[in-house]
């Protein structure tokens, strides 16, 4: 009998940080990843983002290409099919995607390394919902990194400086 991957309940992080950290670490050790349940990301925000991205990815290829930055390495905006290739692979990946990153103010020390986000003006609410979900993922990610640090025997905020502005 095959056992499924057990989800790690994020709500335990507040009440039992050591237990959550242990379960999260065990999932990474066993499977190489973790399924996070009850993560607290708002369903309506997820739905708004999905609606915007479904609309965009339903556009004709030529329309989507207006949001592609050639030579940008997929760091922001749209990346069409056939652009990326996995290391050592002979064929291009069969995927297209949209990449959003941290919004950096003018003069920030990382501006020369991180291009500005691209926003689709034709889809109402796209920027606001996408950026809000990105920020929610970022906050959740910091907490998950704190739990991973604990599992590794490091101070909980060990990763903060590394991911705080990148």
N, C-alpha and C. Protein backbone atom coordinates (compact mmCIF):
# COMPACT_ATOMS: atom_id res chain seq x y z
N UNK A 1 0.84 -1.18 0.00
CA UNK A 1 0.00 0.00 0.00
C UNK A 1 0.89 1.25 0.00
N UNK A 2 0.58 2.19 -0.88
CA UNK A 2 1.34 3.42 -0.99
C UNK A 2 0.74 4.50 -0.10
N UNK A 3 1.59 5.16 0.63
CA UNK A 3 1.15 6.24 1.50
C UNK A 3 1.36 7.57 0.79
N UNK A 4 0.38 8.47 0.93
CA UNK A 4 0.51 9.79 0.31
C UNK A 4 1.45 10.69 1.10
N UNK A 5 1.76 11.80 0.52
CA UNK A 5 2.60 12.78 1.19
C UNK A 5 1.76 13.51 2.23
N UNK A 6 2.25 13.52 3.44
CA UNK A 6 1.51 14.18 4.52
C UNK A 6 1.74 15.68 4.47
N UNK A 7 0.65 16.43 4.52
CA UNK A 7 0.76 17.89 4.54
C UNK A 7 1.22 18.35 5.92
N UNK A 8 1.95 19.45 5.93
CA UNK A 8 2.41 20.06 7.17
C UNK A 8 1.48 21.23 7.45
N UNK A 9 0.86 21.25 8.62
CA UNK A 9 -0.13 22.26 9.00
C UNK A 9 0.57 23.53 9.47
N UNK A 10 0.51 24.58 8.66
CA UNK A 10 1.18 25.83 8.98
C UNK A 10 0.66 26.47 10.27
N UNK A 11 -0.58 26.22 10.61
CA UNK A 11 -1.16 26.82 11.82
C UNK A 11 -0.41 26.39 13.08
N UNK A 12 0.29 25.27 13.03
CA UNK A 12 1.08 24.82 14.18
C UNK A 12 2.28 25.73 14.43
N UNK A 13 2.72 26.46 13.44
CA UNK A 13 3.90 27.31 13.58
C UNK A 13 3.76 28.28 14.76
N UNK A 14 2.57 28.82 14.96
CA UNK A 14 2.34 29.79 16.04
C UNK A 14 2.23 29.12 17.41
N UNK A 15 1.69 27.92 17.44
CA UNK A 15 1.45 27.27 18.74
C UNK A 15 2.52 26.24 19.12
N UNK A 16 3.18 25.67 18.13
CA UNK A 16 4.18 24.62 18.39
C UNK A 16 5.28 24.73 17.34
N UNK A 17 6.10 25.78 17.45
CA UNK A 17 7.13 26.04 16.44
C UNK A 17 8.09 24.88 16.29
N UNK A 18 8.48 24.28 17.40
CA UNK A 18 9.44 23.16 17.33
C UNK A 18 8.83 21.97 16.61
N UNK A 19 7.57 21.65 16.90
CA UNK A 19 6.90 20.54 16.24
C UNK A 19 6.71 20.79 14.75
N UNK A 20 6.28 22.02 14.42
CA UNK A 20 6.11 22.37 13.01
C UNK A 20 7.45 22.28 12.27
N UNK A 21 8.49 22.85 12.88
CA UNK A 21 9.82 22.82 12.28
C UNK A 21 10.29 21.39 12.04
N UNK A 22 10.05 20.54 13.00
CA UNK A 22 10.45 19.14 12.87
C UNK A 22 9.70 18.45 11.73
N UNK A 23 8.38 18.67 11.67
CA UNK A 23 7.58 18.06 10.60
C UNK A 23 7.97 18.59 9.22
N UNK A 24 8.21 19.90 9.14
CA UNK A 24 8.61 20.49 7.87
C UNK A 24 9.96 19.92 7.41
N UNK A 25 10.91 19.88 8.33
CA UNK A 25 12.22 19.32 8.00
C UNK A 25 12.14 17.86 7.60
N UNK A 26 11.30 17.10 8.30
CA UNK A 26 11.15 15.68 7.98
C UNK A 26 10.58 15.49 6.57
N UNK A 27 9.65 16.38 6.18
CA UNK A 27 9.09 16.29 4.84
C UNK A 27 10.16 16.56 3.78
N UNK A 28 10.98 17.57 4.01
CA UNK A 28 12.07 17.85 3.07
C UNK A 28 13.05 16.69 3.00
N UNK A 29 13.35 16.11 4.14
CA UNK A 29 14.30 14.99 4.16
C UNK A 29 13.74 13.77 3.44
N UNK A 30 12.46 13.54 3.60
CA UNK A 30 11.85 12.35 3.02
C UNK A 30 11.50 12.52 1.54
N UNK A 31 10.90 13.68 1.20
CA UNK A 31 10.37 13.86 -0.16
C UNK A 31 11.14 14.87 -1.00
N UNK A 32 11.92 15.73 -0.35
CA UNK A 32 12.60 16.80 -1.07
C UNK A 32 11.78 18.06 -1.20
N UNK A 33 10.57 18.04 -0.69
CA UNK A 33 9.68 19.21 -0.69
C UNK A 33 8.64 19.00 0.40
N UNK A 34 7.76 19.97 0.56
CA UNK A 34 6.71 19.85 1.57
C UNK A 34 5.40 20.40 1.01
N UNK A 35 4.31 19.81 1.45
CA UNK A 35 2.97 20.31 1.16
C UNK A 35 2.54 21.09 2.40
N UNK A 36 2.21 22.37 2.23
CA UNK A 36 1.84 23.21 3.36
C UNK A 36 0.33 23.39 3.36
N UNK A 37 -0.32 22.90 4.42
CA UNK A 37 -1.76 23.03 4.58
C UNK A 37 -2.07 24.22 5.49
N UNK A 38 -3.25 24.77 5.35
CA UNK A 38 -3.74 25.89 6.18
C UNK A 38 -2.69 27.00 6.26
N UNK A 39 -2.23 27.41 5.09
CA UNK A 39 -1.17 28.41 4.98
C UNK A 39 -1.62 29.83 5.25
N UNK A 40 -2.91 30.08 5.23
CA UNK A 40 -3.42 31.40 5.54
C UNK A 40 -3.46 32.37 4.37
N UNK A 41 -3.06 31.95 3.19
CA UNK A 41 -3.15 32.83 2.03
C UNK A 41 -4.63 32.99 1.68
N UNK A 42 -5.11 34.22 1.51
CA UNK A 42 -6.54 34.45 1.28
C UNK A 42 -7.04 33.82 -0.03
N UNK A 43 -8.10 33.04 0.07
CA UNK A 43 -8.68 32.38 -1.10
C UNK A 43 -9.11 33.38 -2.17
N UNK A 44 -9.68 34.53 -1.74
CA UNK A 44 -10.14 35.51 -2.72
C UNK A 44 -8.97 36.14 -3.48
N UNK A 45 -7.85 36.30 -2.81
CA UNK A 45 -6.66 36.84 -3.47
C UNK A 45 -6.10 35.83 -4.48
N UNK A 46 -6.06 34.57 -4.09
CA UNK A 46 -5.61 33.52 -5.00
C UNK A 46 -6.53 33.46 -6.22
N UNK A 47 -7.84 33.53 -5.99
CA UNK A 47 -8.81 33.49 -7.09
C UNK A 47 -8.65 34.68 -8.03
N UNK A 48 -8.41 35.86 -7.47
CA UNK A 48 -8.23 37.05 -8.31
C UNK A 48 -6.99 36.91 -9.19
N UNK A 49 -5.91 36.40 -8.62
CA UNK A 49 -4.69 36.19 -9.41
C UNK A 49 -4.90 35.14 -10.49
N UNK A 50 -5.53 34.05 -10.13
CA UNK A 50 -5.79 33.01 -11.12
C UNK A 50 -6.62 33.54 -12.28
N UNK A 51 -7.63 34.34 -11.97
CA UNK A 51 -8.48 34.90 -13.03
C UNK A 51 -7.66 35.78 -13.96
N UNK A 52 -6.81 36.61 -13.40
CA UNK A 52 -5.97 37.48 -14.23
C UNK A 52 -5.01 36.70 -15.10
N UNK A 53 -4.38 35.69 -14.52
CA UNK A 53 -3.42 34.91 -15.30
C UNK A 53 -4.11 34.01 -16.32
N UNK A 54 -5.28 33.48 -15.99
CA UNK A 54 -6.02 32.70 -16.99
C UNK A 54 -6.39 33.58 -18.18
N UNK A 55 -6.79 34.81 -17.89
CA UNK A 55 -7.12 35.73 -18.98
C UNK A 55 -5.88 35.98 -19.84
N UNK A 56 -4.76 36.30 -19.21
CA UNK A 56 -3.54 36.60 -19.97
C UNK A 56 -3.08 35.40 -20.79
N UNK A 57 -3.01 34.23 -20.20
CA UNK A 57 -2.50 33.07 -20.92
C UNK A 57 -3.47 32.57 -21.99
N UNK A 58 -4.68 33.11 -22.00
CA UNK A 58 -5.64 32.82 -23.06
C UNK A 58 -5.47 33.72 -24.28
N UNK A 59 -4.65 34.73 -24.16
CA UNK A 59 -4.41 35.64 -25.28
C UNK A 59 -3.64 34.94 -26.40
N UNK A 60 -3.73 35.47 -27.62
CA UNK A 60 -2.90 34.96 -28.71
C UNK A 60 -1.42 35.20 -28.40
N UNK A 61 -0.56 34.36 -28.94
CA UNK A 61 0.88 34.44 -28.67
C UNK A 61 1.45 35.83 -28.95
N UNK A 62 1.04 36.43 -30.05
CA UNK A 62 1.59 37.75 -30.41
C UNK A 62 1.25 38.80 -29.36
N UNK A 63 0.08 38.73 -28.79
CA UNK A 63 -0.31 39.70 -27.75
C UNK A 63 0.50 39.49 -26.48
N UNK A 64 0.73 38.23 -26.12
CA UNK A 64 1.52 37.95 -24.92
C UNK A 64 2.97 38.40 -25.08
N UNK A 65 3.48 38.34 -26.30
CA UNK A 65 4.89 38.70 -26.54
C UNK A 65 5.18 40.17 -26.25
N UNK A 66 4.15 41.01 -26.18
CA UNK A 66 4.37 42.42 -25.81
C UNK A 66 4.94 42.53 -24.40
N UNK A 67 4.78 41.49 -23.60
CA UNK A 67 5.24 41.49 -22.21
C UNK A 67 6.46 40.59 -22.00
N UNK A 68 7.13 40.26 -23.09
CA UNK A 68 8.36 39.46 -23.02
C UNK A 68 9.57 40.38 -23.13
N UNK A 69 10.54 40.19 -22.26
CA UNK A 69 11.79 40.96 -22.31
C UNK A 69 12.88 40.07 -22.90
N UNK A 70 13.13 40.15 -24.21
CA UNK A 70 14.18 39.31 -24.81
C UNK A 70 15.52 39.53 -24.11
N UNK A 71 16.20 38.45 -23.82
CA UNK A 71 17.48 38.53 -23.13
C UNK A 71 17.37 38.75 -21.64
N UNK A 72 16.16 38.81 -21.13
CA UNK A 72 15.96 39.05 -19.70
C UNK A 72 16.05 37.80 -18.85
N UNK A 73 16.20 36.66 -19.48
CA UNK A 73 16.34 35.42 -18.73
C UNK A 73 15.10 35.03 -17.94
N UNK A 74 13.95 35.55 -18.31
CA UNK A 74 12.72 35.21 -17.61
C UNK A 74 12.61 35.85 -16.24
N UNK A 75 13.43 36.88 -15.98
CA UNK A 75 13.44 37.48 -14.64
C UNK A 75 12.21 38.32 -14.34
N UNK A 76 11.54 38.82 -15.35
CA UNK A 76 10.31 39.59 -15.15
C UNK A 76 9.42 39.43 -16.37
N UNK A 77 8.13 39.51 -16.13
CA UNK A 77 7.18 39.48 -17.22
C UNK A 77 6.97 38.08 -17.79
N UNK A 78 6.63 38.05 -19.06
CA UNK A 78 6.25 36.82 -19.75
C UNK A 78 7.45 36.13 -20.39
N UNK A 79 7.51 34.83 -20.24
CA UNK A 79 8.49 34.01 -20.95
C UNK A 79 7.72 32.97 -21.76
N UNK A 80 7.84 33.00 -23.09
CA UNK A 80 7.08 32.07 -23.93
C UNK A 80 7.69 30.67 -23.99
N UNK A 81 6.94 29.77 -24.61
CA UNK A 81 7.41 28.41 -24.85
C UNK A 81 8.73 28.45 -25.62
N UNK A 82 9.59 27.48 -25.36
CA UNK A 82 10.80 27.32 -26.15
C UNK A 82 11.94 28.25 -25.83
N UNK A 83 11.85 28.99 -24.74
CA UNK A 83 12.92 29.91 -24.37
C UNK A 83 13.89 29.25 -23.39
N UNK A 84 13.38 28.61 -22.39
CA UNK A 84 14.23 28.00 -21.37
C UNK A 84 14.58 26.56 -21.72
N UNK A 85 15.76 26.16 -21.29
CA UNK A 85 16.23 24.79 -21.46
C UNK A 85 16.83 24.35 -20.14
N UNK A 86 16.42 23.21 -19.65
CA UNK A 86 16.99 22.68 -18.41
C UNK A 86 18.46 22.37 -18.62
N UNK A 87 19.23 22.52 -17.57
CA UNK A 87 20.67 22.25 -17.64
C UNK A 87 20.91 20.83 -18.17
N UNK A 88 21.71 20.74 -19.22
CA UNK A 88 22.05 19.45 -19.80
C UNK A 88 21.01 18.90 -20.76
N UNK A 89 19.88 19.59 -20.91
CA UNK A 89 18.83 19.09 -21.81
C UNK A 89 19.10 19.50 -23.25
N UNK A 90 18.63 18.68 -24.18
CA UNK A 90 18.80 18.96 -25.60
C UNK A 90 17.65 19.78 -26.16
N UNK A 91 16.51 19.74 -25.49
CA UNK A 91 15.31 20.39 -26.01
C UNK A 91 14.83 21.47 -25.04
N UNK A 92 14.17 22.47 -25.63
CA UNK A 92 13.60 23.55 -24.82
C UNK A 92 12.47 23.02 -23.94
N UNK A 93 12.26 23.70 -22.82
CA UNK A 93 11.14 23.37 -21.94
C UNK A 93 9.83 23.71 -22.64
N UNK A 94 8.82 22.90 -22.38
CA UNK A 94 7.50 23.13 -22.95
C UNK A 94 6.63 23.84 -21.92
N UNK A 95 7.02 25.07 -21.61
CA UNK A 95 6.26 25.85 -20.64
C UNK A 95 6.33 27.32 -21.01
N UNK A 96 5.36 28.04 -20.55
CA UNK A 96 5.38 29.50 -20.60
C UNK A 96 5.04 29.97 -19.20
N UNK A 97 5.54 31.13 -18.82
CA UNK A 97 5.27 31.59 -17.46
C UNK A 97 5.38 33.10 -17.35
N UNK A 98 4.92 33.59 -16.21
CA UNK A 98 5.01 35.01 -15.86
C UNK A 98 5.81 35.11 -14.57
N UNK A 99 6.77 36.03 -14.53
CA UNK A 99 7.61 36.18 -13.34
C UNK A 99 7.44 37.57 -12.74
N UNK A 100 7.22 37.59 -11.43
CA UNK A 100 7.11 38.83 -10.66
C UNK A 100 8.15 38.75 -9.56
N UNK A 101 8.71 39.88 -9.21
CA UNK A 101 9.67 39.92 -8.11
C UNK A 101 9.42 41.10 -7.20
N UNK A 102 10.32 41.28 -6.28
CA UNK A 102 10.21 42.37 -5.31
C UNK A 102 10.25 43.72 -6.03
N UNK A 103 9.39 44.63 -5.59
CA UNK A 103 9.40 46.00 -6.08
C UNK A 103 10.50 46.75 -5.34
N UNK A 104 11.44 47.30 -6.06
CA UNK A 104 12.56 48.02 -5.45
C UNK A 104 12.45 49.51 -5.73
N UNK A 105 12.70 50.34 -4.73
CA UNK A 105 12.64 51.79 -4.94
C UNK A 105 13.83 52.29 -5.76
N UNK A 106 13.69 53.48 -6.31
CA UNK A 106 14.79 54.10 -7.05
C UNK A 106 16.01 54.20 -6.15
N UNK A 107 17.17 53.92 -6.73
CA UNK A 107 18.41 54.02 -5.98
C UNK A 107 18.76 52.82 -5.12
N UNK A 108 17.90 51.81 -5.12
CA UNK A 108 18.17 50.61 -4.30
C UNK A 108 19.42 49.91 -4.81
N UNK A 109 20.19 49.34 -3.90
CA UNK A 109 21.46 48.72 -4.28
C UNK A 109 21.32 47.52 -5.22
N UNK A 110 20.13 46.90 -5.29
CA UNK A 110 19.94 45.75 -6.18
C UNK A 110 19.23 46.10 -7.48
N UNK A 111 18.91 47.37 -7.70
CA UNK A 111 18.18 47.74 -8.93
C UNK A 111 18.93 47.32 -10.19
N UNK A 112 20.25 47.37 -10.18
CA UNK A 112 21.00 47.02 -11.39
C UNK A 112 20.95 45.52 -11.68
N UNK A 113 20.56 44.72 -10.69
CA UNK A 113 20.48 43.27 -10.87
C UNK A 113 19.05 42.78 -11.11
N UNK A 114 18.07 43.55 -10.67
CA UNK A 114 16.68 43.12 -10.74
C UNK A 114 15.86 44.11 -11.55
N UNK A 115 15.38 43.69 -12.70
CA UNK A 115 14.57 44.60 -13.51
C UNK A 115 13.23 44.90 -12.85
N UNK A 116 12.60 45.96 -13.30
CA UNK A 116 11.26 46.29 -12.81
C UNK A 116 10.27 45.22 -13.23
N UNK A 117 9.24 45.07 -12.44
CA UNK A 117 8.14 44.18 -12.81
C UNK A 117 7.42 44.77 -14.02
N UNK A 118 6.83 43.90 -14.80
CA UNK A 118 5.95 44.32 -15.90
C UNK A 118 4.52 44.09 -15.45
N UNK A 119 3.65 45.03 -15.79
CA UNK A 119 2.26 44.91 -15.37
C UNK A 119 1.34 45.01 -16.58
N UNK A 120 0.33 44.17 -16.59
CA UNK A 120 -0.62 44.11 -17.70
C UNK A 120 -1.76 45.08 -17.43
N UNK A 121 -1.73 46.21 -18.10
CA UNK A 121 -2.76 47.23 -17.90
C UNK A 121 -4.12 46.83 -18.43
N UNK A 122 -4.15 45.93 -19.39
CA UNK A 122 -5.42 45.53 -20.01
C UNK A 122 -6.26 44.62 -19.12
N UNK A 123 -5.69 44.10 -18.05
CA UNK A 123 -6.44 43.21 -17.16
C UNK A 123 -6.63 43.94 -15.83
N UNK A 124 -7.86 44.31 -15.57
CA UNK A 124 -8.18 45.09 -14.37
C UNK A 124 -7.75 44.35 -13.10
N UNK A 125 -7.06 45.06 -12.24
CA UNK A 125 -6.65 44.51 -10.96
C UNK A 125 -5.44 43.60 -11.00
N UNK A 126 -4.86 43.40 -12.19
CA UNK A 126 -3.75 42.46 -12.32
C UNK A 126 -2.58 42.83 -11.41
N UNK A 127 -2.15 44.07 -11.49
CA UNK A 127 -0.99 44.50 -10.69
C UNK A 127 -1.28 44.36 -9.20
N UNK A 128 -2.40 44.90 -8.76
CA UNK A 128 -2.70 44.90 -7.33
C UNK A 128 -2.82 43.49 -6.76
N UNK A 129 -3.55 42.62 -7.44
CA UNK A 129 -3.72 41.26 -6.90
C UNK A 129 -2.42 40.46 -6.98
N UNK A 130 -1.69 40.61 -8.08
CA UNK A 130 -0.44 39.86 -8.23
C UNK A 130 0.59 40.30 -7.20
N UNK A 131 0.73 41.60 -7.02
CA UNK A 131 1.70 42.11 -6.05
C UNK A 131 1.29 41.74 -4.62
N UNK A 132 0.01 41.81 -4.32
CA UNK A 132 -0.46 41.42 -2.98
C UNK A 132 -0.19 39.94 -2.71
N UNK A 133 -0.42 39.09 -3.70
CA UNK A 133 -0.14 37.67 -3.50
C UNK A 133 1.36 37.43 -3.39
N UNK A 134 2.16 38.13 -4.19
CA UNK A 134 3.61 38.00 -4.09
C UNK A 134 4.06 38.36 -2.68
N UNK A 135 3.54 39.45 -2.14
CA UNK A 135 3.93 39.88 -0.79
C UNK A 135 3.48 38.87 0.26
N UNK A 136 2.31 38.27 0.06
CA UNK A 136 1.85 37.23 0.99
C UNK A 136 2.75 35.99 0.91
N UNK A 137 3.14 35.61 -0.30
CA UNK A 137 4.08 34.49 -0.46
C UNK A 137 5.42 34.81 0.21
N UNK A 138 5.88 36.04 0.04
CA UNK A 138 7.15 36.45 0.63
C UNK A 138 7.10 36.34 2.16
N UNK A 139 6.02 36.83 2.75
CA UNK A 139 5.88 36.76 4.21
C UNK A 139 5.81 35.31 4.68
N UNK A 140 5.02 34.49 4.00
CA UNK A 140 4.92 33.08 4.35
C UNK A 140 6.28 32.40 4.17
N UNK A 141 6.96 32.72 3.09
CA UNK A 141 8.27 32.13 2.83
C UNK A 141 9.28 32.44 3.93
N UNK A 142 9.23 33.64 4.46
CA UNK A 142 10.15 34.00 5.55
C UNK A 142 9.88 33.15 6.79
N UNK A 143 8.61 32.90 7.05
CA UNK A 143 8.26 32.07 8.21
C UNK A 143 8.69 30.62 7.98
N UNK A 144 8.51 30.13 6.76
CA UNK A 144 8.95 28.77 6.46
C UNK A 144 10.47 28.65 6.55
N UNK A 145 11.18 29.68 6.11
CA UNK A 145 12.64 29.67 6.25
C UNK A 145 13.06 29.70 7.72
N UNK A 146 12.30 30.40 8.55
CA UNK A 146 12.60 30.39 9.99
C UNK A 146 12.45 28.99 10.56
N UNK A 147 11.40 28.29 10.12
CA UNK A 147 11.19 26.91 10.58
C UNK A 147 12.30 25.99 10.08
N UNK A 148 12.72 26.18 8.84
CA UNK A 148 13.82 25.38 8.29
C UNK A 148 15.10 25.65 9.07
N UNK A 149 15.37 26.92 9.36
CA UNK A 149 16.56 27.26 10.14
C UNK A 149 16.54 26.55 11.49
N UNK A 150 15.39 26.56 12.14
CA UNK A 150 15.28 25.87 13.43
C UNK A 150 15.58 24.38 13.27
N UNK A 151 15.03 23.79 12.22
CA UNK A 151 15.25 22.36 11.98
C UNK A 151 16.74 22.07 11.78
N UNK A 152 17.46 23.01 11.20
CA UNK A 152 18.89 22.84 10.95
C UNK A 152 19.75 23.23 12.15
N UNK A 153 19.09 23.63 13.24
CA UNK A 153 19.83 24.02 14.43
C UNK A 153 20.40 25.43 14.37
N UNK A 154 19.85 26.24 13.49
CA UNK A 154 20.29 27.63 13.33
C UNK A 154 19.30 28.56 14.03
N UNK A 155 19.68 29.81 14.29
CA UNK A 155 18.72 30.77 14.83
C UNK A 155 17.56 30.94 13.85
N UNK A 156 16.33 31.10 14.33
CA UNK A 156 15.16 31.18 13.44
C UNK A 156 15.27 32.23 12.34
N UNK A 157 15.88 33.35 12.59
CA UNK A 157 15.95 34.42 11.58
C UNK A 157 17.27 34.41 10.81
N UNK A 158 17.91 33.27 10.77
CA UNK A 158 19.21 33.13 10.13
C UNK A 158 19.19 33.52 8.65
N UNK A 159 18.11 33.22 7.95
CA UNK A 159 18.01 33.50 6.51
C UNK A 159 17.54 34.92 6.19
N UNK A 160 17.03 35.65 7.17
CA UNK A 160 16.37 36.94 6.90
C UNK A 160 17.22 37.91 6.10
N UNK A 161 18.46 38.10 6.47
CA UNK A 161 19.30 39.08 5.77
C UNK A 161 19.51 38.68 4.31
N UNK A 162 19.61 37.40 4.06
CA UNK A 162 19.85 36.92 2.71
C UNK A 162 18.65 37.13 1.80
N UNK A 163 17.44 36.94 2.31
CA UNK A 163 16.25 37.03 1.47
C UNK A 163 15.48 38.33 1.63
N UNK A 164 15.89 39.17 2.55
CA UNK A 164 15.14 40.37 2.88
C UNK A 164 14.96 41.37 1.76
N UNK A 165 15.91 41.46 0.86
CA UNK A 165 15.81 42.46 -0.20
C UNK A 165 15.92 41.85 -1.58
N UNK A 166 16.10 40.55 -1.66
CA UNK A 166 16.30 39.92 -2.96
C UNK A 166 15.04 39.42 -3.58
